[in-house]
Full PDB file with SEQRES, HELIX, SHEET, SSBOND, CRYST1, ORIGX, SCALE, CONECT and MASTER records, all heavy atoms in Angstrom:
SEQRES   1 A   37  GLN ARG THR VAL TYR VAL ASP PRO TYR THR GLY LYS VAL          
SEQRES   2 A   37  LEU GLY ALA ARG THR THR GLU GLY THR SER MET PRO VAL          
SEQRES   3 A   37  THR THR TRP LEU GLY GLU LEU HIS ARG SER LEU                  
HELIX    1 AA1 PRO A   25  SER A   36  1                                  12    
SHEET    1 AA1 2 ARG A   2  VAL A   6  0                                        
SHEET    2 AA1 2 VAL A  13  THR A  18 -1                                        
CRYST1    1.000    1.000    1.000  90.00  90.00  90.00 P 1           1          
ORIGX1      1.000000  0.000000  0.000000        0.00000                         
ORIGX2      0.000000  1.000000  0.000000        0.00000                         
ORIGX3      0.000000  0.000000  1.000000        0.00000                         
SCALE1      1.000000  0.000000  0.000000        0.00000                         
SCALE2      0.000000  1.000000  0.000000        0.00000                         
SCALE3      0.000000  0.000000  1.000000        0.00000                         
ATOM      1  N   GLN A   1       2.906   5.494   5.535  1.00  0.00           N  
ATOM      2  CA  GLN A   1       3.534   4.774   4.437  1.00  0.00           C  
ATOM      3  C   GLN A   1       4.887   5.405   4.086  1.00  0.00           C  
ATOM      4  O   GLN A   1       5.187   6.529   4.492  1.00  0.00           O  
ATOM      5  CB  GLN A   1       2.631   4.782   3.186  1.00  0.00           C  
ATOM      6  CG  GLN A   1       1.393   3.911   3.292  1.00  0.00           C  
ATOM      7  CD  GLN A   1       0.314   4.534   4.149  1.00  0.00           C  
ATOM      8  OE1 GLN A   1       0.049   5.720   4.054  1.00  0.00           O  
ATOM      9  NE2 GLN A   1      -0.303   3.741   5.010  1.00  0.00           N  
ATOM     10  N   ARG A   2       5.673   4.654   3.344  1.00  0.00           N  
ATOM     11  CA  ARG A   2       6.895   5.190   2.753  1.00  0.00           C  
ATOM     12  C   ARG A   2       6.693   5.221   1.240  1.00  0.00           C  
ATOM     13  O   ARG A   2       6.398   4.183   0.630  1.00  0.00           O  
ATOM     14  CB  ARG A   2       8.110   4.345   3.113  1.00  0.00           C  
ATOM     15  CG  ARG A   2       9.399   4.789   2.408  1.00  0.00           C  
ATOM     16  CD  ARG A   2      10.606   4.182   3.091  1.00  0.00           C  
ATOM     17  NE  ARG A   2      10.734   4.713   4.452  1.00  0.00           N  
ATOM     18  CZ  ARG A   2      11.382   4.093   5.435  1.00  0.00           C  
ATOM     19  NH1 ARG A   2      11.937   2.908   5.215  1.00  0.00           N  
ATOM     20  NH2 ARG A   2      11.456   4.638   6.630  1.00  0.00           N  
ATOM     21  N   THR A   3       6.829   6.388   0.661  1.00  0.00           N  
ATOM     22  CA  THR A   3       6.654   6.544  -0.776  1.00  0.00           C  
ATOM     23  C   THR A   3       8.013   6.765  -1.422  1.00  0.00           C  
ATOM     24  O   THR A   3       8.769   7.649  -1.014  1.00  0.00           O  
ATOM     25  CB  THR A   3       5.716   7.717  -1.097  1.00  0.00           C  
ATOM     26  OG1 THR A   3       4.442   7.476  -0.498  1.00  0.00           O  
ATOM     27  CG2 THR A   3       5.540   7.870  -2.601  1.00  0.00           C  
ATOM     28  N   VAL A   4       8.295   5.941  -2.429  1.00  0.00           N  
ATOM     29  CA  VAL A   4       9.562   6.012  -3.152  1.00  0.00           C  
ATOM     30  C   VAL A   4       9.294   6.686  -4.495  1.00  0.00           C  
ATOM     31  O   VAL A   4       8.342   6.331  -5.201  1.00  0.00           O  
ATOM     32  CB  VAL A   4      10.154   4.601  -3.370  1.00  0.00           C  
ATOM     33  CG1 VAL A   4      11.530   4.696  -4.022  1.00  0.00           C  
ATOM     34  CG2 VAL A   4      10.242   3.848  -2.038  1.00  0.00           C  
ATOM     35  N   TYR A   5      10.152   7.646  -4.853  1.00  0.00           N  
ATOM     36  CA  TYR A   5       9.962   8.442  -6.068  1.00  0.00           C  
ATOM     37  C   TYR A   5      11.015   8.056  -7.100  1.00  0.00           C  
ATOM     38  O   TYR A   5      12.224   8.117  -6.819  1.00  0.00           O  
ATOM     39  CB  TYR A   5      10.040   9.931  -5.743  1.00  0.00           C  
ATOM     40  CG  TYR A   5       9.011  10.343  -4.717  1.00  0.00           C  
ATOM     41  CD1 TYR A   5       9.286  10.226  -3.350  1.00  0.00           C  
ATOM     42  CD2 TYR A   5       7.762  10.811  -5.106  1.00  0.00           C  
ATOM     43  CE1 TYR A   5       8.336  10.563  -2.406  1.00  0.00           C  
ATOM     44  CE2 TYR A   5       6.811  11.160  -4.163  1.00  0.00           C  
ATOM     45  CZ  TYR A   5       7.103  11.035  -2.813  1.00  0.00           C  
ATOM     46  OH  TYR A   5       6.155  11.367  -1.873  1.00  0.00           O  
ATOM     47  N   VAL A   6      10.547   7.647  -8.280  1.00  0.00           N  
ATOM     48  CA  VAL A   6      11.427   7.112  -9.323  1.00  0.00           C  
ATOM     49  C   VAL A   6      11.330   7.994 -10.565  1.00  0.00           C  
ATOM     50  O   VAL A   6      10.225   8.332 -11.028  1.00  0.00           O  
ATOM     51  CB  VAL A   6      11.044   5.660  -9.672  1.00  0.00           C  
ATOM     52  CG1 VAL A   6      12.003   5.096 -10.707  1.00  0.00           C  
ATOM     53  CG2 VAL A   6      11.026   4.789  -8.419  1.00  0.00           C  
ATOM     54  N   ASP A   7      12.493   8.350 -11.118  1.00  0.00           N  
ATOM     55  CA  ASP A   7      12.532   9.072 -12.383  1.00  0.00           C  
ATOM     56  C   ASP A   7      12.077   8.119 -13.488  1.00  0.00           C  
ATOM     57  O   ASP A   7      12.709   7.091 -13.737  1.00  0.00           O  
ATOM     58  CB  ASP A   7      13.958   9.551 -12.664  1.00  0.00           C  
ATOM     59  CG  ASP A   7      14.026  10.500 -13.859  1.00  0.00           C  
ATOM     60  OD1 ASP A   7      13.337  10.238 -14.866  1.00  0.00           O  
ATOM     61  OD2 ASP A   7      14.772  11.481 -13.784  1.00  0.00           O  
ATOM     62  N   PRO A   8      10.956   8.414 -14.157  1.00  0.00           N  
ATOM     63  CA  PRO A   8      10.427   7.464 -15.142  1.00  0.00           C  
ATOM     64  C   PRO A   8      11.285   7.304 -16.384  1.00  0.00           C  
ATOM     65  O   PRO A   8      11.109   6.342 -17.142  1.00  0.00           O  
ATOM     66  CB  PRO A   8       9.057   8.059 -15.497  1.00  0.00           C  
ATOM     67  CG  PRO A   8       9.180   9.520 -15.213  1.00  0.00           C  
ATOM     68  CD  PRO A   8      10.115   9.622 -14.046  1.00  0.00           C  
ATOM     69  N   TYR A   9      12.216   8.203 -16.622  1.00  0.00           N  
ATOM     70  CA  TYR A   9      13.034   8.136 -17.842  1.00  0.00           C  
ATOM     71  C   TYR A   9      14.357   7.404 -17.617  1.00  0.00           C  
ATOM     72  O   TYR A   9      14.922   6.854 -18.562  1.00  0.00           O  
ATOM     73  CB  TYR A   9      13.301   9.547 -18.368  1.00  0.00           C  
ATOM     74  CG  TYR A   9      12.032  10.304 -18.667  1.00  0.00           C  
ATOM     75  CD1 TYR A   9      11.519  11.216 -17.753  1.00  0.00           C  
ATOM     76  CD2 TYR A   9      11.325  10.077 -19.846  1.00  0.00           C  
ATOM     77  CE1 TYR A   9      10.339  11.897 -18.012  1.00  0.00           C  
ATOM     78  CE2 TYR A   9      10.137  10.759 -20.110  1.00  0.00           C  
ATOM     79  CZ  TYR A   9       9.653  11.663 -19.189  1.00  0.00           C  
ATOM     80  OH  TYR A   9       8.475  12.336 -19.449  1.00  0.00           O  
ATOM     81  N   THR A  10      14.843   7.418 -16.375  1.00  0.00           N  
ATOM     82  CA  THR A  10      16.134   6.774 -16.094  1.00  0.00           C  
ATOM     83  C   THR A  10      16.022   5.616 -15.119  1.00  0.00           C  
ATOM     84  O   THR A  10      16.951   4.821 -14.992  1.00  0.00           O  
ATOM     85  CB  THR A  10      17.114   7.806 -15.512  1.00  0.00           C  
ATOM     86  OG1 THR A  10      16.610   8.278 -14.243  1.00  0.00           O  
ATOM     87  CG2 THR A  10      17.288   8.984 -16.454  1.00  0.00           C  
ATOM     88  N   GLY A  11      14.891   5.512 -14.407  1.00  0.00           N  
ATOM     89  CA  GLY A  11      14.758   4.478 -13.386  1.00  0.00           C  
ATOM     90  C   GLY A  11      15.514   4.800 -12.107  1.00  0.00           C  
ATOM     91  O   GLY A  11      15.604   3.965 -11.200  1.00  0.00           O  
ATOM     92  N   LYS A  12      16.030   6.010 -12.004  1.00  0.00           N  
ATOM     93  CA  LYS A  12      16.783   6.413 -10.814  1.00  0.00           C  
ATOM     94  C   LYS A  12      15.829   6.749  -9.677  1.00  0.00           C  
ATOM     95  O   LYS A  12      14.839   7.457  -9.874  1.00  0.00           O  
ATOM     96  CB  LYS A  12      17.658   7.621 -11.142  1.00  0.00           C  
ATOM     97  CG  LYS A  12      18.455   8.152  -9.960  1.00  0.00           C  
ATOM     98  CD  LYS A  12      19.248   9.392 -10.364  1.00  0.00           C  
ATOM     99  CE  LYS A  12      19.995   9.991  -9.178  1.00  0.00           C  
ATOM    100  NZ  LYS A  12      20.753  11.210  -9.562  1.00  0.00           N  
ATOM    101  N   VAL A  13      16.129   6.238  -8.479  1.00  0.00           N  
ATOM    102  CA  VAL A  13      15.343   6.563  -7.299  1.00  0.00           C  
ATOM    103  C   VAL A  13      15.804   7.923  -6.784  1.00  0.00           C  
ATOM    104  O   VAL A  13      16.953   8.098  -6.367  1.00  0.00           O  
ATOM    105  CB  VAL A  13      15.497   5.483  -6.215  1.00  0.00           C  
ATOM    106  CG1 VAL A  13      14.777   5.915  -4.933  1.00  0.00           C  
ATOM    107  CG2 VAL A  13      14.929   4.155  -6.710  1.00  0.00           C  
ATOM    108  N   LEU A  14      14.894   8.906  -6.807  1.00  0.00           N  
ATOM    109  CA  LEU A  14      15.243  10.264  -6.419  1.00  0.00           C  
ATOM    110  C   LEU A  14      15.118  10.502  -4.923  1.00  0.00           C  
ATOM    111  O   LEU A  14      15.619  11.510  -4.406  1.00  0.00           O  
ATOM    112  CB  LEU A  14      14.359  11.269  -7.168  1.00  0.00           C  
ATOM    113  CG  LEU A  14      14.447  11.220  -8.699  1.00  0.00           C  
ATOM    114  CD1 LEU A  14      13.535  12.276  -9.312  1.00  0.00           C  
ATOM    115  CD2 LEU A  14      15.886  11.412  -9.165  1.00  0.00           C  
ATOM    116  N   GLY A  15      14.472   9.605  -4.230  1.00  0.00           N  
ATOM    117  CA  GLY A  15      14.326   9.767  -2.782  1.00  0.00           C  
ATOM    118  C   GLY A  15      13.079   9.074  -2.288  1.00  0.00           C  
ATOM    119  O   GLY A  15      12.325   8.463  -3.060  1.00  0.00           O  
ATOM    120  N   ALA A  16      12.855   9.150  -0.978  1.00  0.00           N  
ATOM    121  CA  ALA A  16      11.685   8.552  -0.348  1.00  0.00           C  
ATOM    122  C   ALA A  16      11.204   9.487   0.756  1.00  0.00           C  
ATOM    123  O   ALA A  16      11.989  10.219   1.360  1.00  0.00           O  
ATOM    124  CB  ALA A  16      12.010   7.176   0.205  1.00  0.00           C  
ATOM    125  N   ARG A  17       9.903   9.464   1.002  1.00  0.00           N  
ATOM    126  CA  ARG A  17       9.314  10.302   2.047  1.00  0.00           C  
ATOM    127  C   ARG A  17       8.302   9.472   2.848  1.00  0.00           C  
ATOM    128  O   ARG A  17       7.699   8.551   2.332  1.00  0.00           O  
ATOM    129  CB  ARG A  17       8.593  11.515   1.441  1.00  0.00           C  
ATOM    130  CG  ARG A  17       9.491  12.463   0.645  1.00  0.00           C  
ATOM    131  CD  ARG A  17      10.379  13.271   1.557  1.00  0.00           C  
ATOM    132  NE  ARG A  17      11.112  14.299   0.817  1.00  0.00           N  
ATOM    133  CZ  ARG A  17      12.292  14.115   0.230  1.00  0.00           C  
ATOM    134  NH1 ARG A  17      12.881  12.908   0.298  1.00  0.00           N  
ATOM    135  NH2 ARG A  17      12.890  15.095  -0.420  1.00  0.00           N  
ATOM    136  N   THR A  18       8.142   9.842   4.106  1.00  0.00           N  
ATOM    137  CA  THR A  18       7.084   9.252   4.926  1.00  0.00           C  
ATOM    138  C   THR A  18       5.792   9.988   4.619  1.00  0.00           C  
ATOM    139  O   THR A  18       5.714  11.215   4.769  1.00  0.00           O  
ATOM    140  CB  THR A  18       7.422   9.371   6.420  1.00  0.00           C  
ATOM    141  OG1 THR A  18       8.634   8.657   6.689  1.00  0.00           O  
ATOM    142  CG2 THR A  18       6.298   8.793   7.278  1.00  0.00           C  
ATOM    143  N   THR A  19       4.791   9.264   4.174  1.00  0.00           N  
ATOM    144  CA  THR A  19       3.553   9.876   3.692  1.00  0.00           C  
ATOM    145  C   THR A  19       2.338   9.235   4.346  1.00  0.00           C  
ATOM    146  O   THR A  19       2.425   8.187   4.984  1.00  0.00           O  
ATOM    147  CB  THR A  19       3.427   9.723   2.167  1.00  0.00           C  
ATOM    148  OG1 THR A  19       3.387   8.324   1.838  1.00  0.00           O  
ATOM    149  CG2 THR A  19       4.610  10.368   1.452  1.00  0.00           C  
ATOM    150  N   GLU A  20       1.207   9.890   4.163  1.00  0.00           N  
ATOM    151  CA  GLU A  20      -0.089   9.320   4.525  1.00  0.00           C  
ATOM    152  C   GLU A  20      -0.812   9.053   3.212  1.00  0.00           C  
ATOM    153  O   GLU A  20      -1.349   9.946   2.591  1.00  0.00           O  
ATOM    154  CB  GLU A  20      -0.891  10.275   5.400  1.00  0.00           C  
ATOM    155  CG  GLU A  20      -2.217   9.697   5.868  1.00  0.00           C  
ATOM    156  CD  GLU A  20      -2.962  10.644   6.790  1.00  0.00           C  
ATOM    157  OE1 GLU A  20      -2.582  11.829   6.880  1.00  0.00           O  
ATOM    158  OE2 GLU A  20      -3.934  10.199   7.415  1.00  0.00           O  
ATOM    159  N   GLY A  21      -0.789   7.777   2.780  1.00  0.00           N  
ATOM    160  CA  GLY A  21      -1.243   7.478   1.434  1.00  0.00           C  
ATOM    161  C   GLY A  21      -0.253   8.059   0.447  1.00  0.00           C  
ATOM    162  O   GLY A  21       0.934   7.773   0.499  1.00  0.00           O  
ATOM    163  N   THR A  22      -0.762   8.905  -0.450  1.00  0.00           N  
ATOM    164  CA  THR A  22       0.122   9.577  -1.405  1.00  0.00           C  
ATOM    165  C   THR A  22       0.353  11.040  -1.051  1.00  0.00           C  
ATOM    166  O   THR A  22       0.991  11.764  -1.804  1.00  0.00           O  
ATOM    167  CB  THR A  22      -0.476   9.492  -2.819  1.00  0.00           C  
ATOM    168  OG1 THR A  22      -1.799  10.062  -2.809  1.00  0.00           O  
ATOM    169  CG2 THR A  22      -0.573   8.047  -3.293  1.00  0.00           C  
ATOM    170  N   SER A  23      -0.188  11.489   0.090  1.00  0.00           N  
ATOM    171  CA  SER A  23      -0.013  12.878   0.505  1.00  0.00           C  
ATOM    172  C   SER A  23       1.415  13.108   0.968  1.00  0.00           C  
ATOM    173  O   SER A  23       1.955  12.333   1.767  1.00  0.00           O  
ATOM    174  CB  SER A  23      -0.986  13.231   1.642  1.00  0.00           C  
ATOM    175  OG  SER A  23      -2.321  13.151   1.194  1.00  0.00           O  
ATOM    176  N   MET A  24       2.023  14.198   0.504  1.00  0.00           N  
ATOM    177  CA  MET A  24       3.383  14.526   0.869  1.00  0.00           C  
ATOM    178  C   MET A  24       3.457  14.946   2.336  1.00  0.00           C  
ATOM    179  O   MET A  24       2.446  15.325   2.935  1.00  0.00           O  
ATOM    180  CB  MET A  24       3.904  15.642  -0.023  1.00  0.00           C  
ATOM    181  CG  MET A  24       3.949  15.290  -1.502  1.00  0.00           C  
ATOM    182  SD  MET A  24       5.078  13.933  -1.841  1.00  0.00           S  
ATOM    183  CE  MET A  24       6.665  14.689  -1.468  1.00  0.00           C  
ATOM    184  N   PRO A  25       4.654  14.884   2.944  1.00  0.00           N  
ATOM    185  CA  PRO A  25       4.785  15.227   4.363  1.00  0.00           C  
ATOM    186  C   PRO A  25       4.233  16.604   4.727  1.00  0.00           C  
ATOM    187  O   PRO A  25       3.618  16.762   5.785  1.00  0.00           O  
ATOM    188  CB  PRO A  25       6.294  15.150   4.599  1.00  0.00           C  
ATOM    189  CG  PRO A  25       6.773  14.145   3.611  1.00  0.00           C  
ATOM    190  CD  PRO A  25       5.916  14.339   2.401  1.00  0.00           C  
ATOM    191  N   VAL A  26       4.439  17.618   3.868  1.00  0.00           N  
ATOM    192  CA  VAL A  26       3.952  18.949   4.215  1.00  0.00           C  
ATOM    193  C   VAL A  26       2.429  18.967   4.255  1.00  0.00           C  
ATOM    194  O   VAL A  26       1.817  19.587   5.154  1.00  0.00           O  
ATOM    195  CB  VAL A  26       4.495  20.006   3.222  1.00  0.00           C  
ATOM    196  CG1 VAL A  26       3.979  19.766   1.804  1.00  0.00           C  
ATOM    197  CG2 VAL A  26       4.130  21.411   3.691  1.00  0.00           C  
ATOM    198  N   THR A  27       1.776  18.250   3.323  1.00  0.00           N  
ATOM    199  CA  THR A  27       0.319  18.178   3.327  1.00  0.00           C  
ATOM    200  C   THR A  27      -0.174  17.375   4.522  1.00  0.00           C  
ATOM    201  O   THR A  27      -1.169  17.745   5.174  1.00  0.00           O  
ATOM    202  CB  THR A  27      -0.184  17.536   2.021  1.00  0.00           C  
ATOM    203  OG1 THR A  27       0.227  18.349   0.920  1.00  0.00           O  
ATOM    204  CG2 THR A  27      -1.696  17.426   2.014  1.00  0.00           C  
ATOM    205  N   THR A  28       0.493  16.261   4.819  1.00  0.00           N  
ATOM    206  CA  THR A  28       0.110  15.448   5.980  1.00  0.00           C  
ATOM    207  C   THR A  28       0.228  16.251   7.262  1.00  0.00           C  
ATOM    208  O   THR A  28      -0.656  16.212   8.126  1.00  0.00           O  
ATOM    209  CB  THR A  28       0.998  14.192   6.055  1.00  0.00           C  
ATOM    210  OG1 THR A  28       0.851  13.444   4.849  1.00  0.00           O  
ATOM    211  CG2 THR A  28       0.612  13.325   7.238  1.00  0.00           C  
ATOM    212  N   TRP A  29       1.325  17.016   7.401  1.00  0.00           N  
ATOM    213  CA  TRP A  29       1.545  17.786   8.620  1.00  0.00           C  
ATOM    214  C   TRP A  29       0.501  18.891   8.769  1.00  0.00           C  
ATOM    215  O   TRP A  29      -0.071  19.088   9.844  1.00  0.00           O  
ATOM    216  CB  TRP A  29       2.951  18.386   8.595  1.00  0.00           C  
ATOM    217  CG  TRP A  29       3.367  18.948   9.930  1.00  0.00           C  
ATOM    218  CD1 TRP A  29       3.986  18.304  10.951  1.00  0.00           C  
ATOM    219  CD2 TRP A  29       3.180  20.316  10.361  1.00  0.00           C  
ATOM    220  NE1 TRP A  29       4.192  19.161  12.001  1.00  0.00           N  
ATOM    221  CE2 TRP A  29       3.721  20.409  11.671  1.00  0.00           C  
ATOM    222  CE3 TRP A  29       2.626  21.445   9.776  1.00  0.00           C  
ATOM    223  CZ2 TRP A  29       3.702  21.591  12.401  1.00  0.00           C  
ATOM    224  CZ3 TRP A  29       2.605  22.638  10.508  1.00  0.00           C  
ATOM    225  CH2 TRP A  29       3.141  22.702  11.795  1.00  0.00           C  
ATOM    226  N   LEU A  30       0.239  19.615   7.673  1.00  0.00           N  
ATOM    227  CA  LEU A  30      -0.755  20.684   7.726  1.00  0.00           C  
ATOM    228  C   LEU A  30      -2.163  20.118   7.932  1.00  0.00           C  
ATOM    229  O   LEU A  30      -2.983  20.720   8.642  1.00  0.00           O  
ATOM    230  CB  LEU A  30      -0.712  21.508   6.441  1.00  0.00           C  
ATOM    231  CG  LEU A  30       0.520  22.402   6.253  1.00  0.00           C  
ATOM    232  CD1 LEU A  30       0.490  23.053   4.879  1.00  0.00           C  
ATOM    233  CD2 LEU A  30       0.587  23.461   7.344  1.00  0.00           C  
ATOM    234  N   GLY A  31      -2.443  18.962   7.326  1.00  0.00           N  
ATOM    235  CA  GLY A  31      -3.745  18.341   7.516  1.00  0.00           C  
ATOM    236  C   GLY A  31      -3.971  17.931   8.961  1.00  0.00           C  
ATOM    237  O   GLY A  31      -5.055  18.135   9.519  1.00  0.00           O  
ATOM    238  N   GLU A  32      -2.942  17.362   9.591  1.00  0.00           N  
ATOM    239  CA  GLU A  32      -3.059  16.968  10.996  1.00  0.00           C  
ATOM    240  C   GLU A  32      -3.140  18.203  11.887  1.00  0.00           C  
ATOM    241  O   GLU A  32      -3.836  18.188  12.912  1.00  0.00           O  
ATOM    242  CB  GLU A  32      -1.862  16.098  11.392  1.00  0.00           C  
ATOM    243  CG  GLU A  32      -1.992  15.441  12.756  1.00  0.00           C  
ATOM    244  CD  GLU A  32      -3.178  14.494  12.841  1.00  0.00           C  
ATOM    245  OE1 GLU A  32      -3.553  13.902  11.804  1.00  0.00           O  
ATOM    246  OE2 GLU A  32      -3.722  14.348  13.958  1.00  0.00           O  
ATOM    247  N   LEU A  33      -2.451  19.275  11.520  1.00  0.00           N  
ATOM    248  CA  LEU A  33      -2.552  20.521  12.279  1.00  0.00           C  
ATOM    249  C   LEU A  33      -3.978  21.057  12.234  1.00  0.00           C  
ATOM    250  O   LEU A  33      -4.525  21.482  13.268  1.00  0.00           O  
ATOM    251  CB  LEU A  33      -1.583  21.552  11.695  1.00  0.00           C  
ATOM    252  CG  LEU A  33      -1.565  22.928  12.382  1.00  0.00           C  
ATOM    253  CD1 LEU A  33      -0.975  22.828  13.779  1.00  0.00           C  
ATOM    254  CD2 LEU A  33      -0.791  23.941  11.534  1.00  0.00           C  
ATOM    255  N   HIS A  34      -4.593  21.045  11.066  1.00  0.00           N  
ATOM    256  CA  HIS A  34      -5.967  21.531  10.927  1.00  0.00           C  
ATOM    257  C   HIS A  34      -6.950  20.602  11.631  1.00  0.00           C  
ATOM    258  O   HIS A  34      -7.935  21.057  12.224  1.00  0.00           O  
ATOM    259  CB  HIS A  34      -6.314  21.629   9.439  1.00  0.00           C  
ATOM    260  CG  HIS A  34      -7.708  22.118   9.182  1.00  0.00           C  
ATOM    261  ND1 HIS A  34      -8.166  23.362   9.578  1.00  0.00           N  
ATOM    262  CD2 HIS A  34      -8.765  21.525   8.553  1.00  0.00           C  
ATOM    263  CE1 HIS A  34      -9.427  23.512   9.217  1.00  0.00           C  
ATOM    264  NE2 HIS A  34      -9.816  22.415   8.591  1.00  0.00           N  
ATOM    265  N   ARG A  35      -6.663  19.311  11.579  1.00  0.00           N  
ATOM    266  CA  ARG A  35      -7.603  18.309  12.103  1.00  0.00           C  
ATOM    267  C   ARG A  35      -7.521  18.173  13.622  1.00  0.00           C  
ATOM    268  O   ARG A  35      -8.547  17.989  14.278  1.00  0.00           O  
ATOM    269  CB  ARG A  35      -7.311  16.973  11.429  1.00  0.00           C  
ATOM    270  CG  ARG A  35      -8.281  15.870  11.739  1.00  0.00           C  
ATOM    271  CD  ARG A  35      -8.157  14.741  10.744  1.00  0.00           C  
ATOM    272  NE  ARG A  35      -6.781  14.307  10.570  1.00  0.00           N  
ATOM    273  CZ  ARG A  35      -6.106  14.384   9.441  1.00  0.00           C  
ATOM    274  NH1 ARG A  35      -6.692  14.921   8.373  1.00  0.00           N  
ATOM    275  NH2 ARG A  35      -4.864  13.954   9.340  1.00  0.00           N  
ATOM    276  N   SER A  36      -6.327  18.272  14.199  1.00  0.00           N  
ATOM    277  CA  SER A  36      -6.210  17.980  15.638  1.00  0.00           C  
ATOM    278  C   SER A  36      -5.115  18.765  16.344  1.00  0.00           C  
ATOM    279  O   SER A  36      -4.841  18.483  17.515  1.00  0.00           O  
ATOM    280  CB  SER A  36      -5.946  16.486  15.832  1.00  0.00           C  
ATOM    281  OG  SER A  36      -4.654  16.142  15.337  1.00  0.00           O  
ATOM    282  N   LEU A  37      -4.475  19.713  15.664  1.00  0.00           N  
ATOM    283  CA  LEU A  37      -3.365  20.462  16.261  1.00  0.00           C  
ATOM    284  C   LEU A  37      -2.237  19.535  16.720  1.00  0.00           C  
ATOM    285  O   LEU A  37      -1.484  19.861  17.639  1.00  0.00           O  
ATOM    286  CB  LEU A  37      -3.847  21.311  17.445  1.00  0.00           C  
ATOM    287  CG  LEU A  37      -4.919  22.355  17.142  1.00  0.00           C  
ATOM    288  CD1 LEU A  37      -5.327  23.080  18.409  1.00  0.00           C  
ATOM    289  CD2 LEU A  37      -4.431  23.352  16.095  1.00  0.00           C  
TER     290      LEU A  37                                                      
MASTER        0    0    0    1    2    0    0    6  289    1    0    3          
END                                                                             
């Protein structure tokens, strides 16, 4: 998935990341490393 991050006070889009569900890229990468190298 692509997750878009929005500042709730200004409505500004702070960036986007490629994710697995809501898991951040570092968690997705480490999870896949643990699961299947």
